[in-house]
Amino acid sequence: MAENQSEEHSAPIKTPKQLIIVVVLAFVVPIALIVMLTQLITSGPDLSKNNPALSEEAVAKRLKPVGEVMVDPNPPKPAPAAPIAIAAAGVPGKVAPAGTADAGKGKSVYDSACTVCHAAGVAGAPKAGDKAAWAPRLKTGLNALYASALKGKNAMPAKGGNPALADADLKAAVDYMVGLVK
């Protein structure tokens, strides 16, 4: 029967010596690989005091922040505000002279806190300069507008979301926006 078998159907191991070699290598090679991997992993870094990578300077350099915040001690001065007539002291119809200190303060507060919503009409805020949107609000009077700005109304937070604003500065911003629609 062995004489009828073809060469392609025969096993590559033909002698007992070849069988022993294959069995021994099947155990020795994986064990050797495992031992080498454990040596690689457990050998680890050099943690001695003489290692330059562990010096105080090297550690501080690696932990240094990527960037730093620098504050210019001499910031540029803002451009003077254009003179605009605004309502004076909460009296409807009375206009303060253009270029007063309140006019500049009102515009700067408007630019810093109010323009976010009032420039684009976000969340129902009346757009600055839109007479139709401001008309019903102006009918309630300046004191009601001041109260809305100071305490908040609907989606608008108190003081336009800037609790650090002084009441007088916020009133100046309201006067500035009212002046834009008169």
N, C-alpha and C. Protein backbone atom coordinates (compact mmCIF):
# COMPACT_ATOMS: atom_id res chain seq x y z
N MET A 1 0.81 -1.17 0.00
CA MET A 1 0.00 0.00 0.00
C MET A 1 0.86 1.25 0.00
N ALA A 2 1.96 1.25 0.73
CA ALA A 2 2.87 2.38 0.74
C ALA A 2 3.47 2.60 -0.63
N GLU A 3 3.53 1.58 -1.40
CA GLU A 3 4.09 1.71 -2.75
C GLU A 3 3.15 2.47 -3.67
N ASN A 4 1.85 2.47 -3.37
CA ASN A 4 0.87 3.13 -4.22
C ASN A 4 0.72 4.62 -3.90
N GLN A 5 1.26 5.09 -2.78
CA GLN A 5 1.11 6.50 -2.40
C GLN A 5 2.00 7.38 -3.26
N SER A 6 1.45 8.54 -3.58
CA SER A 6 2.26 9.46 -4.38
C SER A 6 3.13 10.31 -3.46
N GLU A 7 4.08 10.97 -4.03
CA GLU A 7 5.05 11.80 -3.30
C GLU A 7 4.37 12.99 -2.63
N GLU A 8 3.32 13.57 -3.24
CA GLU A 8 2.67 14.76 -2.70
C GLU A 8 1.83 14.46 -1.46
N HIS A 9 1.49 13.19 -1.19
CA HIS A 9 0.68 12.83 -0.03
C HIS A 9 1.52 12.31 1.12
N SER A 10 2.78 12.42 1.05
CA SER A 10 3.62 11.89 2.12
C SER A 10 3.96 13.00 3.11
N ALA A 11 4.26 12.66 4.36
CA ALA A 11 4.58 13.62 5.42
C ALA A 11 6.01 14.11 5.26
N PRO A 12 6.30 15.39 5.69
CA PRO A 12 7.66 15.91 5.56
C PRO A 12 8.61 15.26 6.57
N ILE A 13 8.08 14.73 7.67
CA ILE A 13 8.91 14.05 8.66
C ILE A 13 8.91 12.56 8.33
N LYS A 14 10.07 12.08 8.02
CA LYS A 14 10.15 10.70 7.56
C LYS A 14 10.87 9.79 8.55
N THR A 15 11.65 10.39 9.46
CA THR A 15 12.42 9.54 10.39
C THR A 15 12.10 9.95 11.82
N PRO A 16 12.33 9.05 12.79
CA PRO A 16 12.09 9.40 14.20
C PRO A 16 13.01 10.54 14.66
N LYS A 17 14.21 10.66 14.12
CA LYS A 17 15.12 11.74 14.49
C LYS A 17 14.52 13.10 14.10
N GLN A 18 13.92 13.20 12.93
CA GLN A 18 13.28 14.43 12.49
C GLN A 18 12.09 14.77 13.40
N LEU A 19 11.35 13.76 13.83
CA LEU A 19 10.20 13.95 14.70
C LEU A 19 10.64 14.53 16.05
N ILE A 20 11.72 14.01 16.62
CA ILE A 20 12.22 14.49 17.91
C ILE A 20 12.69 15.94 17.78
N ILE A 21 13.37 16.28 16.71
CA ILE A 21 13.85 17.65 16.50
C ILE A 21 12.67 18.61 16.40
N VAL A 22 11.65 18.28 15.70
CA VAL A 22 10.48 19.15 15.52
C VAL A 22 9.76 19.33 16.86
N VAL A 23 9.61 18.27 17.63
CA VAL A 23 8.92 18.36 18.92
C VAL A 23 9.73 19.25 19.89
N VAL A 24 11.03 19.08 19.94
CA VAL A 24 11.87 19.88 20.82
C VAL A 24 11.82 21.35 20.40
N LEU A 25 11.93 21.63 19.12
CA LEU A 25 11.87 23.02 18.66
C LEU A 25 10.49 23.64 18.91
N ALA A 26 9.44 22.86 18.84
CA ALA A 26 8.09 23.36 19.08
C ALA A 26 7.94 23.86 20.52
N PHE A 27 8.71 23.30 21.46
CA PHE A 27 8.68 23.78 22.84
C PHE A 27 9.74 24.84 23.12
N VAL A 28 10.91 24.70 22.56
CA VAL A 28 12.03 25.58 22.89
C VAL A 28 11.85 26.98 22.26
N VAL A 29 11.44 27.07 21.04
CA VAL A 29 11.32 28.37 20.37
C VAL A 29 10.31 29.28 21.06
N PRO A 30 9.08 28.86 21.36
CA PRO A 30 8.15 29.77 22.05
C PRO A 30 8.66 30.16 23.45
N ILE A 31 9.27 29.23 24.16
CA ILE A 31 9.78 29.55 25.50
C ILE A 31 10.90 30.58 25.38
N ALA A 32 11.77 30.43 24.41
CA ALA A 32 12.86 31.40 24.21
C ALA A 32 12.30 32.78 23.87
N LEU A 33 11.28 32.85 23.04
CA LEU A 33 10.66 34.13 22.70
C LEU A 33 10.01 34.78 23.92
N ILE A 34 9.35 33.97 24.76
CA ILE A 34 8.72 34.50 25.97
C ILE A 34 9.78 35.05 26.92
N VAL A 35 10.87 34.35 27.08
CA VAL A 35 11.95 34.79 27.96
C VAL A 35 12.55 36.10 27.43
N MET A 36 12.78 36.20 26.15
CA MET A 36 13.35 37.43 25.58
C MET A 36 12.39 38.62 25.76
N LEU A 37 11.10 38.42 25.56
CA LEU A 37 10.13 39.50 25.75
C LEU A 37 10.08 39.94 27.20
N THR A 38 10.10 39.01 28.13
CA THR A 38 10.07 39.40 29.55
C THR A 38 11.34 40.17 29.93
N GLN A 39 12.47 39.79 29.36
CA GLN A 39 13.71 40.52 29.64
C GLN A 39 13.62 41.95 29.08
N LEU A 40 13.06 42.08 27.91
CA LEU A 40 12.91 43.40 27.29
C LEU A 40 12.00 44.29 28.13
N ILE A 41 10.90 43.72 28.59
CA ILE A 41 9.92 44.50 29.35
C ILE A 41 10.43 44.82 30.74
N THR A 42 11.00 43.87 31.41
CA THR A 42 11.40 44.09 32.81
C THR A 42 12.73 44.80 32.95
N SER A 43 13.51 44.89 31.91
CA SER A 43 14.78 45.57 32.05
C SER A 43 14.54 47.06 32.31
N GLY A 44 13.51 47.67 31.69
CA GLY A 44 13.07 49.02 31.97
C GLY A 44 14.15 50.07 31.82
N PRO A 45 13.78 51.32 32.19
CA PRO A 45 14.73 52.42 32.06
C PRO A 45 15.73 52.43 33.20
N ASP A 46 16.78 53.19 32.99
CA ASP A 46 17.82 53.34 34.00
C ASP A 46 17.34 54.38 35.01
N LEU A 47 17.04 53.92 36.24
CA LEU A 47 16.52 54.81 37.27
C LEU A 47 17.60 55.25 38.25
N SER A 48 18.84 55.11 37.89
CA SER A 48 19.91 55.50 38.79
C SER A 48 20.04 57.02 38.84
N LYS A 49 20.72 57.51 39.87
CA LYS A 49 20.89 58.95 40.04
C LYS A 49 21.79 59.55 38.98
N ASN A 50 22.57 58.74 38.30
CA ASN A 50 23.51 59.24 37.30
C ASN A 50 22.87 59.42 35.92
N ASN A 51 21.62 59.03 35.77
CA ASN A 51 20.95 59.14 34.48
C ASN A 51 20.65 60.61 34.19
N PRO A 52 21.19 61.19 33.10
CA PRO A 52 20.96 62.61 32.81
C PRO A 52 19.49 62.92 32.48
N ALA A 53 18.72 61.96 32.04
CA ALA A 53 17.31 62.21 31.71
C ALA A 53 16.48 62.43 32.97
N LEU A 54 17.00 62.05 34.13
CA LEU A 54 16.26 62.22 35.37
C LEU A 54 16.76 63.41 36.20
N SER A 55 17.61 64.23 35.63
CA SER A 55 18.09 65.40 36.35
C SER A 55 16.95 66.40 36.52
N GLU A 56 17.08 67.27 37.51
CA GLU A 56 16.04 68.28 37.78
C GLU A 56 15.77 69.15 36.56
N GLU A 57 16.84 69.53 35.86
CA GLU A 57 16.69 70.41 34.69
C GLU A 57 15.96 69.70 33.56
N ALA A 58 16.28 68.41 33.33
CA ALA A 58 15.66 67.67 32.24
C ALA A 58 14.17 67.44 32.52
N VAL A 59 13.84 67.15 33.77
CA VAL A 59 12.43 66.95 34.13
C VAL A 59 11.67 68.26 34.00
N ALA A 60 12.25 69.36 34.48
CA ALA A 60 11.59 70.67 34.38
C ALA A 60 11.38 71.06 32.92
N LYS A 61 12.34 70.75 32.06
CA LYS A 61 12.20 71.08 30.64
C LYS A 61 11.06 70.29 30.00
N ARG A 62 10.92 69.02 30.38
CA ARG A 62 9.84 68.20 29.81
C ARG A 62 8.47 68.64 30.32
N LEU A 63 8.41 69.18 31.53
CA LEU A 63 7.14 69.59 32.11
C LEU A 63 6.78 71.04 31.83
N LYS A 64 7.65 71.76 31.16
CA LYS A 64 7.42 73.17 30.86
C LYS A 64 6.20 73.31 29.94
N PRO A 65 5.33 74.29 30.21
CA PRO A 65 4.17 74.49 29.35
C PRO A 65 4.60 74.83 27.91
N VAL A 66 3.72 74.53 26.97
CA VAL A 66 4.02 74.78 25.57
C VAL A 66 4.06 76.27 25.28
N GLY A 67 3.16 77.02 25.90
CA GLY A 67 3.10 78.46 25.65
C GLY A 67 3.00 79.22 26.95
N GLU A 68 3.16 80.52 26.86
CA GLU A 68 3.05 81.39 28.02
C GLU A 68 2.16 82.57 27.66
N VAL A 69 1.44 83.07 28.66
CA VAL A 69 0.59 84.24 28.47
C VAL A 69 1.41 85.46 28.86
N MET A 70 1.50 86.38 27.94
CA MET A 70 2.24 87.61 28.18
C MET A 70 1.25 88.76 28.12
N VAL A 71 1.28 89.65 29.13
CA VAL A 71 0.40 90.80 29.16
C VAL A 71 1.25 92.03 28.85
N ASP A 72 0.83 92.75 27.84
CA ASP A 72 1.55 93.94 27.44
C ASP A 72 1.34 95.03 28.48
N PRO A 73 2.41 95.53 29.12
CA PRO A 73 2.22 96.56 30.13
C PRO A 73 1.80 97.90 29.52
N ASN A 74 2.00 98.08 28.24
CA ASN A 74 1.60 99.31 27.55
C ASN A 74 0.64 98.99 26.42
N PRO A 75 -0.63 98.63 26.76
CA PRO A 75 -1.57 98.28 25.69
C PRO A 75 -1.89 99.50 24.83
N PRO A 76 -2.27 99.27 23.58
CA PRO A 76 -2.62 100.41 22.72
C PRO A 76 -3.90 101.07 23.23
N LYS A 77 -3.96 102.36 23.08
CA LYS A 77 -5.13 103.10 23.53
C LYS A 77 -6.22 102.99 22.49
N PRO A 78 -7.49 102.78 22.94
CA PRO A 78 -8.57 102.66 21.97
C PRO A 78 -8.80 103.98 21.24
N ALA A 79 -9.27 103.86 20.03
CA ALA A 79 -9.58 105.05 19.23
C ALA A 79 -10.74 105.79 19.89
N PRO A 80 -10.73 107.10 19.83
CA PRO A 80 -11.83 107.84 20.45
C PRO A 80 -13.14 107.52 19.74
N ALA A 81 -14.19 107.44 20.54
CA ALA A 81 -15.51 107.11 20.00
C ALA A 81 -16.05 108.30 19.21
N ALA A 82 -16.80 107.98 18.17
CA ALA A 82 -17.42 109.03 17.37
C ALA A 82 -18.48 109.71 18.21
N PRO A 83 -18.58 111.01 18.14
CA PRO A 83 -19.60 111.69 18.94
C PRO A 83 -20.99 111.34 18.45
N ILE A 84 -21.84 110.91 19.39
CA ILE A 84 -23.20 110.53 19.05
C ILE A 84 -24.12 111.15 20.10
N ALA A 85 -25.21 111.69 19.67
CA ALA A 85 -26.17 112.26 20.60
C ALA A 85 -26.93 111.13 21.28
N ILE A 86 -27.05 111.21 22.62
CA ILE A 86 -27.77 110.17 23.35
C ILE A 86 -28.77 110.84 24.28
N ALA A 87 -29.71 110.06 24.77
CA ALA A 87 -30.69 110.59 25.70
C ALA A 87 -29.99 110.90 27.02
N ALA A 88 -30.30 112.03 27.61
CA ALA A 88 -29.60 112.47 28.82
C ALA A 88 -30.42 112.17 30.05
N ALA A 89 -29.77 111.59 31.04
CA ALA A 89 -30.31 111.40 32.40
C ALA A 89 -31.71 110.81 32.42
N GLY A 90 -32.03 109.96 31.49
CA GLY A 90 -33.30 109.25 31.52
C GLY A 90 -34.50 110.11 31.18
N VAL A 91 -34.31 111.29 30.64
CA VAL A 91 -35.42 112.16 30.30
C VAL A 91 -35.70 112.00 28.81
N PRO A 92 -36.86 111.38 28.46
CA PRO A 92 -37.15 111.19 27.05
C PRO A 92 -37.25 112.53 26.33
N GLY A 93 -36.67 112.56 25.14
CA GLY A 93 -36.72 113.75 24.33
C GLY A 93 -35.56 114.70 24.56
N LYS A 94 -34.90 114.58 25.71
CA LYS A 94 -33.77 115.46 25.99
C LYS A 94 -32.50 114.74 25.55
N VAL A 95 -31.66 115.42 24.79
CA VAL A 95 -30.48 114.80 24.22
C VAL A 95 -29.24 115.44 24.82
N ALA A 96 -28.28 114.58 25.23
CA ALA A 96 -27.03 115.10 25.77
C ALA A 96 -26.17 115.59 24.63
N PRO A 97 -25.32 116.55 24.88
CA PRO A 97 -24.44 117.04 23.83
C PRO A 97 -23.51 115.94 23.35
N ALA A 98 -23.22 115.94 22.05
CA ALA A 98 -22.36 114.92 21.48
C ALA A 98 -20.95 115.05 22.05
N GLY A 99 -20.31 113.89 22.24
CA GLY A 99 -18.93 113.89 22.69
C GLY A 99 -18.78 113.95 24.20
N THR A 100 -19.87 113.83 24.97
CA THR A 100 -19.74 113.82 26.42
C THR A 100 -19.09 112.52 26.86
N ALA A 101 -18.66 112.50 28.11
CA ALA A 101 -17.99 111.30 28.65
C ALA A 101 -18.95 110.12 28.63
N ASP A 102 -20.25 110.38 28.92
CA ASP A 102 -21.23 109.29 28.93
C ASP A 102 -21.38 108.67 27.56
N ALA A 103 -21.29 109.48 26.50
CA ALA A 103 -21.44 108.96 25.14
C ALA A 103 -20.33 107.96 24.84
N GLY A 104 -19.12 108.30 25.20
CA GLY A 104 -18.00 107.38 24.96
C GLY A 104 -18.10 106.14 25.80
N LYS A 105 -18.51 106.29 27.06
CA LYS A 105 -18.63 105.14 27.96
C LYS A 105 -19.76 104.24 27.48
N GLY A 106 -20.87 104.82 27.07
CA GLY A 106 -22.00 104.03 26.59
C GLY A 106 -21.62 103.20 25.38
N LYS A 107 -20.90 103.81 24.43
CA LYS A 107 -20.47 103.08 23.24
C LYS A 107 -19.49 101.97 23.60
N SER A 108 -18.55 102.25 24.49
CA SER A 108 -17.57 101.22 24.84
C SER A 108 -18.22 100.05 25.57
N VAL A 109 -19.19 100.34 26.45
CA VAL A 109 -19.91 99.25 27.12
C VAL A 109 -20.74 98.48 26.10
N TYR A 110 -21.39 99.21 25.21
CA TYR A 110 -22.16 98.54 24.15
C TYR A 110 -21.25 97.61 23.33
N ASP A 111 -20.09 98.13 22.94
CA ASP A 111 -19.16 97.33 22.13
C ASP A 111 -18.65 96.10 22.88
N SER A 112 -18.47 96.22 24.19
CA SER A 112 -17.89 95.10 24.94
C SER A 112 -18.93 94.09 25.40
N ALA A 113 -20.15 94.53 25.73
CA ALA A 113 -21.11 93.59 26.31
C ALA A 113 -22.38 93.41 25.49
N CYS A 114 -22.85 94.45 24.85
CA CYS A 114 -24.18 94.41 24.24
C CYS A 114 -24.18 94.00 22.77
N THR A 115 -23.10 94.31 22.07
CA THR A 115 -23.07 94.11 20.62
C THR A 115 -23.23 92.64 20.22
N VAL A 116 -22.87 91.73 21.12
CA VAL A 116 -22.97 90.30 20.81
C VAL A 116 -24.38 89.94 20.39
N CYS A 117 -25.36 90.44 21.13
CA CYS A 117 -26.76 90.10 20.80
C CYS A 117 -27.46 91.20 20.01
N HIS A 118 -27.21 92.47 20.37
CA HIS A 118 -27.97 93.56 19.76
C HIS A 118 -27.49 93.92 18.35
N ALA A 119 -26.32 93.47 17.94
CA ALA A 119 -25.88 93.75 16.57
C ALA A 119 -26.59 92.84 15.58
N ALA A 120 -26.84 91.60 15.98
CA ALA A 120 -27.45 90.64 15.06
C ALA A 120 -28.90 90.31 15.41
N GLY A 121 -29.40 90.78 16.55
CA GLY A 121 -30.77 90.47 16.94
C GLY A 121 -30.91 89.06 17.49
N VAL A 122 -29.91 88.58 18.20
CA VAL A 122 -29.91 87.22 18.74
C VAL A 122 -30.99 87.07 19.82
N ALA A 123 -31.72 85.97 19.79
CA ALA A 123 -32.74 85.60 20.80
C ALA A 123 -33.77 86.70 21.01
N GLY A 124 -34.14 87.40 19.95
CA GLY A 124 -35.18 88.42 20.04
C GLY A 124 -34.71 89.78 20.52
N ALA A 125 -33.41 89.95 20.69
CA ALA A 125 -32.89 91.26 21.10
C ALA A 125 -33.11 92.25 19.97
N PRO A 126 -33.59 93.46 20.29
CA PRO A 126 -33.79 94.44 19.22
C PRO A 126 -32.43 94.89 18.69
N LYS A 127 -32.31 94.92 17.38
CA LYS A 127 -31.04 95.34 16.77
C LYS A 127 -30.80 96.83 17.05
N ALA A 128 -29.55 97.14 17.31
CA ALA A 128 -29.19 98.54 17.55
C ALA A 128 -29.48 99.34 16.28
N GLY A 129 -30.22 100.45 16.42
CA GLY A 129 -30.55 101.30 15.30
C GLY A 129 -31.85 100.94 14.59
N ASP A 130 -32.51 99.83 14.97
CA ASP A 130 -33.77 99.40 14.35
C ASP A 130 -34.93 100.11 15.05
N LYS A 131 -35.41 101.19 14.44
CA LYS A 131 -36.44 102.01 15.07
C LYS A 131 -37.73 101.24 15.33
N ALA A 132 -38.11 100.36 14.39
CA ALA A 132 -39.36 99.61 14.55
C ALA A 132 -39.27 98.65 15.74
N ALA A 133 -38.14 98.02 15.93
CA ALA A 133 -37.99 97.06 17.03
C ALA A 133 -37.91 97.77 18.37
N TRP A 134 -37.36 98.99 18.40
CA TRP A 134 -37.20 99.72 19.66
C TRP A 134 -38.44 100.53 20.04
N ALA A 135 -39.32 100.81 19.09
CA ALA A 135 -40.48 101.68 19.36
C ALA A 135 -41.32 101.19 20.55
N PRO A 136 -41.74 99.91 20.60
CA PRO A 136 -42.55 99.51 21.76
C PRO A 136 -41.78 99.57 23.07
N ARG A 137 -40.51 99.37 23.01
CA ARG A 137 -39.68 99.41 24.22
C ARG A 137 -39.50 100.84 24.72
N LEU A 138 -39.40 101.78 23.76
CA LEU A 138 -39.24 103.18 24.14
C LEU A 138 -40.53 103.73 24.78
N LYS A 139 -41.67 103.18 24.40
CA LYS A 139 -42.94 103.63 24.97
C LYS A 139 -43.01 103.30 26.46
N THR A 140 -42.29 102.25 26.90
CA THR A 140 -42.30 101.89 28.33
C THR A 140 -41.47 102.86 29.16
N GLY A 141 -40.59 103.62 28.51
CA GLY A 141 -39.77 104.60 29.20
C GLY A 141 -38.37 104.08 29.50
N LEU A 142 -37.48 105.04 29.75
CA LEU A 142 -36.09 104.68 30.01
C LEU A 142 -35.91 103.89 31.30
N ASN A 143 -36.71 104.21 32.31
CA ASN A 143 -36.55 103.49 33.58
C ASN A 143 -36.85 102.00 33.40
N ALA A 144 -37.84 101.66 32.58
CA ALA A 144 -38.14 100.26 32.31
C ALA A 144 -37.01 99.60 31.52
N LEU A 145 -36.43 100.35 30.58
CA LEU A 145 -35.29 99.81 29.83
C LEU A 145 -34.09 99.60 30.74
N TYR A 146 -33.85 100.55 31.66
CA TYR A 146 -32.76 100.38 32.61
C TYR A 146 -32.99 99.13 33.48
N ALA A 147 -34.21 98.95 33.94
CA ALA A 147 -34.53 97.80 34.80
C ALA A 147 -34.32 96.49 34.04
N SER A 148 -34.73 96.48 32.78
CA SER A 148 -34.53 95.26 31.97
C SER A 148 -33.05 94.97 31.80
N ALA A 149 -32.26 96.00 31.55
CA ALA A 149 -30.83 95.80 31.35
C ALA A 149 -30.14 95.39 32.65
N LEU A 150 -30.55 95.98 33.76
CA LEU A 150 -29.91 95.68 35.05
C LEU A 150 -30.30 94.30 35.58
N LYS A 151 -31.58 93.94 35.44
CA LYS A 151 -32.07 92.69 36.03
C LYS A 151 -32.18 91.55 35.03
N GLY A 152 -32.16 91.87 33.74
CA GLY A 152 -32.32 90.85 32.72
C GLY A 152 -33.77 90.72 32.31
N LYS A 153 -33.99 90.22 31.10
CA LYS A 153 -35.35 90.04 30.63
C LYS A 153 -35.34 88.96 29.54
N ASN A 154 -36.26 88.03 29.62
CA ASN A 154 -36.35 86.91 28.68
C ASN A 154 -34.99 86.22 28.57
N ALA A 155 -34.38 86.20 27.38
CA ALA A 155 -33.09 85.50 27.20
C ALA A 155 -31.90 86.36 27.59
N MET A 156 -32.12 87.65 27.83
CA MET A 156 -31.00 88.54 28.18
C MET A 156 -30.67 88.38 29.66
N PRO A 157 -29.41 88.06 29.97
CA PRO A 157 -29.03 87.96 31.37
C PRO A 157 -28.88 89.34 32.00
N ALA A 158 -28.88 89.39 33.32
CA ALA A 158 -28.70 90.65 34.03
C ALA A 158 -27.37 91.27 33.63
N LYS A 159 -27.38 92.57 33.43
CA LYS A 159 -26.19 93.35 33.03
C LYS A 159 -25.54 92.78 31.77
N GLY A 160 -26.33 92.23 30.89
CA GLY A 160 -25.81 91.71 29.62
C GLY A 160 -24.83 90.57 29.80
N GLY A 161 -24.89 89.89 30.94
CA GLY A 161 -23.98 88.77 31.19
C GLY A 161 -22.66 89.19 31.81
N ASN A 162 -22.50 90.47 32.13
CA ASN A 162 -21.26 90.95 32.74
C ASN A 162 -21.59 91.57 34.10
N PRO A 163 -21.60 90.75 35.16
CA PRO A 163 -22.00 91.28 36.47
C PRO A 163 -21.03 92.32 37.03
N ALA A 164 -19.85 92.46 36.45
CA ALA A 164 -18.87 93.44 36.93
C ALA A 164 -19.20 94.86 36.46
N LEU A 165 -20.14 94.99 35.52
CA LEU A 165 -20.48 96.33 35.02
C LEU A 165 -21.15 97.17 36.10
N ALA A 166 -20.75 98.41 36.20
CA ALA A 166 -21.41 99.35 37.12
C ALA A 166 -22.77 99.73 36.53
N ASP A 167 -23.71 100.00 37.43
CA ASP A 167 -25.06 100.35 36.97
C ASP A 167 -25.02 101.59 36.07
N ALA A 168 -24.23 102.56 36.41
CA ALA A 168 -24.15 103.79 35.61
C ALA A 168 -23.60 103.49 34.21
N ASP A 169 -22.64 102.58 34.13
CA ASP A 169 -22.08 102.24 32.82
C ASP A 169 -23.11 101.52 31.96
N LEU A 170 -23.90 100.64 32.59
CA LEU A 170 -24.93 99.93 31.84
C LEU A 170 -26.02 100.89 31.38
N LYS A 171 -26.37 101.85 32.23
CA LYS A 171 -27.36 102.86 31.83
C LYS A 171 -26.83 103.69 30.67
N ALA A 172 -25.53 103.98 30.68
CA ALA A 172 -24.93 104.73 29.57
C ALA A 172 -25.03 103.93 28.27
N ALA A 173 -24.88 102.60 28.36
CA ALA A 173 -25.02 101.77 27.16
C ALA A 173 -26.45 101.78 26.66
N VAL A 174 -27.41 101.74 27.59
CA VAL A 174 -28.83 101.81 27.19
C VAL A 174 -29.09 103.16 26.52
N ASP A 175 -28.57 104.23 27.11
CA ASP A 175 -28.74 105.56 26.51
C ASP A 175 -28.14 105.61 25.11
N TYR A 176 -26.98 104.97 24.96
CA TYR A 176 -26.32 104.93 23.65
C TYR A 176 -27.22 104.23 22.62
N MET A 177 -27.79 103.07 22.98
CA MET A 177 -28.64 102.34 22.02
C MET A 177 -29.93 103.11 21.73
N VAL A 178 -30.47 103.79 22.74
CA VAL A 178 -31.68 104.60 22.53
C VAL A 178 -31.34 105.76 21.59
N GLY A 179 -30.16 106.33 21.76
CA GLY A 179 -29.74 107.43 20.90
C GLY A 179 -29.61 107.02 19.44
N LEU A 180 -29.32 105.76 19.21
CA LEU A 180 -29.19 105.27 17.83
C LEU A 180 -30.52 105.22 17.08
N VAL A 181 -31.63 105.15 17.83
CA VAL A 181 -32.95 105.04 17.17
C VAL A 181 -33.73 106.33 17.22
N LYS A 182 -33.17 107.37 17.79
CA LYS A 182 -33.90 108.66 17.84
C LYS A 182 -33.51 109.54 16.69
